[in-house]
Amino acid sequence: MPTKEAVLTLEICECGGKTVADALKIFQETSLPYKKAKKLVTECDKTCCRAALLRIFDMAYTGNIDYEELHRLIQLRNDKLGELLERMKSGR
């Protein structure tokens, strides 16, 4: 498991070039719903980073940040086959 600092520096979306730390800050400072707040982070309409961003949004809302889960979700995004398997397991 990487450190908290290492997770915060991971790129959350290639389109917007934002890090996990940037996304957390944006979500914590906005009262917009997820769909609109997401565009502040990604600057696009793609769904490639949806799972990780949705969890960051939820974590920012509740204040409970799970860096290990965020790292796992970002790694899954980077590993498309792993993401497909994860979806099949969870039935999404």
C-alpha atoms as a PDB file:
ATOM      1  CA  MET A   1       0.000   0.000   0.000  1.00  0.00           C
ATOM      2  CA  PRO A   2       1.456   3.351  -0.998  1.00  0.00           C
ATOM      3  CA  THR A   3       1.491   6.229   1.440  1.00  0.00           C
ATOM      4  CA  LYS A   4      -1.301   8.784   1.727  1.00  0.00           C
ATOM      5  CA  GLU A   5       0.926  11.343   0.014  1.00  0.00           C
ATOM      6  CA  ALA A   6       1.609   8.970  -2.891  1.00  0.00           C
ATOM      7  CA  VAL A   7      -2.118   8.356  -3.418  1.00  0.00           C
ATOM      8  CA  LEU A   8      -2.859  12.089  -3.313  1.00  0.00           C
ATOM      9  CA  THR A   9      -0.399  12.689  -6.162  1.00  0.00           C
ATOM     10  CA  LEU A  10      -1.910  10.038  -8.475  1.00  0.00           C
ATOM     11  CA  GLU A  11      -3.596  11.390 -11.591  1.00  0.00           C
ATOM     12  CA  ILE A  12      -7.336  10.811 -11.347  1.00  0.00           C
ATOM     13  CA  CYS A  13      -8.252  11.703 -14.931  1.00  0.00           C
ATOM     14  CA  GLU A  14      -6.004  12.032 -17.958  1.00  0.00           C
ATOM     15  CA  CYS A  15      -8.366  14.539 -19.590  1.00  0.00           C
ATOM     16  CA  GLY A  16      -8.277  17.130 -16.820  1.00  0.00           C
ATOM     17  CA  GLY A  17      -4.789  16.357 -15.565  1.00  0.00           C
ATOM     18  CA  LYS A  18      -6.003  16.596 -11.961  1.00  0.00           C
ATOM     19  CA  THR A  19      -4.657  14.575  -9.053  1.00  0.00           C
ATOM     20  CA  VAL A  20      -6.590  12.845  -6.289  1.00  0.00           C
ATOM     21  CA  ALA A  21      -5.740  15.805  -4.026  1.00  0.00           C
ATOM     22  CA  ASP A  22      -7.158  18.245  -6.610  1.00  0.00           C
ATOM     23  CA  ALA A  23     -10.351  16.204  -6.921  1.00  0.00           C
ATOM     24  CA  LEU A  24     -10.815  16.022  -3.144  1.00  0.00           C
ATOM     25  CA  LYS A  25     -10.350  19.773  -2.806  1.00  0.00           C
ATOM     26  CA  ILE A  26     -12.791  20.540  -5.638  1.00  0.00           C
ATOM     27  CA  PHE A  27     -15.436  18.168  -4.265  1.00  0.00           C
ATOM     28  CA  GLN A  28     -15.036  19.511  -0.718  1.00  0.00           C
ATOM     29  CA  GLU A  29     -15.424  23.110  -1.867  1.00  0.00           C
ATOM     30  CA  THR A  30     -18.491  22.679  -4.067  1.00  0.00           C
ATOM     31  CA  SER A  31     -22.159  22.140  -3.335  1.00  0.00           C
ATOM     32  CA  LEU A  32     -22.830  20.905  -6.864  1.00  0.00           C
ATOM     33  CA  PRO A  33     -24.223  17.402  -7.439  1.00  0.00           C
ATOM     34  CA  TYR A  34     -21.761  14.740  -8.602  1.00  0.00           C
ATOM     35  CA  LYS A  35     -22.506  14.998 -12.322  1.00  0.00           C
ATOM     36  CA  LYS A  36     -21.711  18.731 -12.444  1.00  0.00           C
ATOM     37  CA  ALA A  37     -18.861  18.620  -9.926  1.00  0.00           C
ATOM     38  CA  LYS A  38     -17.235  15.807 -11.935  1.00  0.00           C
ATOM     39  CA  LYS A  39     -16.848  18.139 -14.905  1.00  0.00           C
ATOM     40  CA  LEU A  40     -14.847  20.544 -12.721  1.00  0.00           C
ATOM     41  CA  VAL A  41     -12.337  17.745 -12.197  1.00  0.00           C
ATOM     42  CA  THR A  42     -12.319  15.927 -15.530  1.00  0.00           C
ATOM     43  CA  GLU A  43     -13.208  18.764 -17.901  1.00  0.00           C
ATOM     44  CA  CYS A  44     -14.811  16.060 -20.104  1.00  0.00           C
ATOM     45  CA  ASP A  45     -17.821  13.752 -20.409  1.00  0.00           C
ATOM     46  CA  LYS A  46     -15.927  10.446 -20.527  1.00  0.00           C
ATOM     47  CA  THR A  47     -16.594   7.676 -18.028  1.00  0.00           C
ATOM     48  CA  CYS A  48     -13.069   6.213 -17.835  1.00  0.00           C
ATOM     49  CA  CYS A  49     -12.500   7.451 -14.278  1.00  0.00           C
ATOM     50  CA  ARG A  50     -16.114   7.243 -13.055  1.00  0.00           C
ATOM     51  CA  ALA A  51     -15.643   4.621 -10.307  1.00  0.00           C
ATOM     52  CA  ALA A  52     -12.737   6.396  -8.634  1.00  0.00           C
ATOM     53  CA  LEU A  53     -14.285   9.855  -8.970  1.00  0.00           C
ATOM     54  CA  LEU A  54     -17.625   8.748  -7.567  1.00  0.00           C
ATOM     55  CA  ARG A  55     -15.875   7.251  -4.515  1.00  0.00           C
ATOM     56  CA  ILE A  56     -13.796  10.413  -4.034  1.00  0.00           C
ATOM     57  CA  PHE A  57     -16.997  12.462  -4.216  1.00  0.00           C
ATOM     58  CA  ASP A  58     -18.657  10.250  -1.591  1.00  0.00           C
ATOM     59  CA  MET A  59     -15.567  10.294   0.615  1.00  0.00           C
ATOM     60  CA  ALA A  60     -15.268  14.080   0.382  1.00  0.00           C
ATOM     61  CA  TYR A  61     -18.946  14.393   1.342  1.00  0.00           C
ATOM     62  CA  THR A  62     -18.657  12.103   4.371  1.00  0.00           C
ATOM     63  CA  GLY A  63     -15.120  13.126   5.333  1.00  0.00           C
ATOM     64  CA  ASN A  64     -13.951   9.504   5.518  1.00  0.00           C
ATOM     65  CA  ILE A  65     -11.101   9.158   3.036  1.00  0.00           C
ATOM     66  CA  ASP A  66      -9.943   5.584   2.340  1.00  0.00           C
ATOM     67  CA  TYR A  67      -6.616   5.985   0.542  1.00  0.00           C
ATOM     68  CA  GLU A  68      -6.171   2.241   0.083  1.00  0.00           C
ATOM     69  CA  GLU A  69      -9.506   1.970  -1.745  1.00  0.00           C
ATOM     70  CA  LEU A  70      -8.694   5.002  -3.895  1.00  0.00           C
ATOM     71  CA  HIS A  71      -5.364   3.454  -4.850  1.00  0.00           C
ATOM     72  CA  ARG A  72      -7.121   0.185  -5.757  1.00  0.00           C
ATOM     73  CA  LEU A  73      -9.713   1.977  -7.915  1.00  0.00           C
ATOM     74  CA  ILE A  74      -7.081   3.972  -9.764  1.00  0.00           C
ATOM     75  CA  GLN A  75      -5.058   0.816 -10.373  1.00  0.00           C
ATOM     76  CA  LEU A  76      -8.197  -0.878 -11.706  1.00  0.00           C
ATOM     77  CA  ARG A  77      -8.782   2.033 -14.053  1.00  0.00           C
ATOM     78  CA  ASN A  78      -5.255   1.628 -15.311  1.00  0.00           C
ATOM     79  CA  ASP A  79      -5.792  -2.103 -15.713  1.00  0.00           C
ATOM     80  CA  LYS A  80      -8.817  -2.419 -17.999  1.00  0.00           C
ATOM     81  CA  LEU A  81      -8.932  -6.208 -17.727  1.00  0.00           C
ATOM     82  CA  GLY A  82      -8.972  -5.928 -13.945  1.00  0.00           C
ATOM     83  CA  GLU A  83     -11.809  -3.430 -14.195  1.00  0.00           C
ATOM     84  CA  LEU A  84     -13.835  -5.798 -16.373  1.00  0.00           C
ATOM     85  CA  LEU A  85     -13.325  -8.638 -13.900  1.00  0.00           C
ATOM     86  CA  GLU A  86     -14.237  -6.400 -10.957  1.00  0.00           C
ATOM     87  CA  ARG A  87     -17.495  -5.395 -12.676  1.00  0.00           C
ATOM     88  CA  MET A  88     -18.354  -9.000 -13.405  1.00  0.00           C
ATOM     89  CA  LYS A  89     -17.783  -9.966  -9.765  1.00  0.00           C
ATOM     90  CA  SER A  90     -19.891  -7.120  -8.383  1.00  0.00           C
ATOM     91  CA  GLY A  91     -22.627  -7.492 -10.988  1.00  0.00           C
ATOM     92  CA  ARG A  92     -22.444  -3.887 -12.207  1.00  0.00           C
END
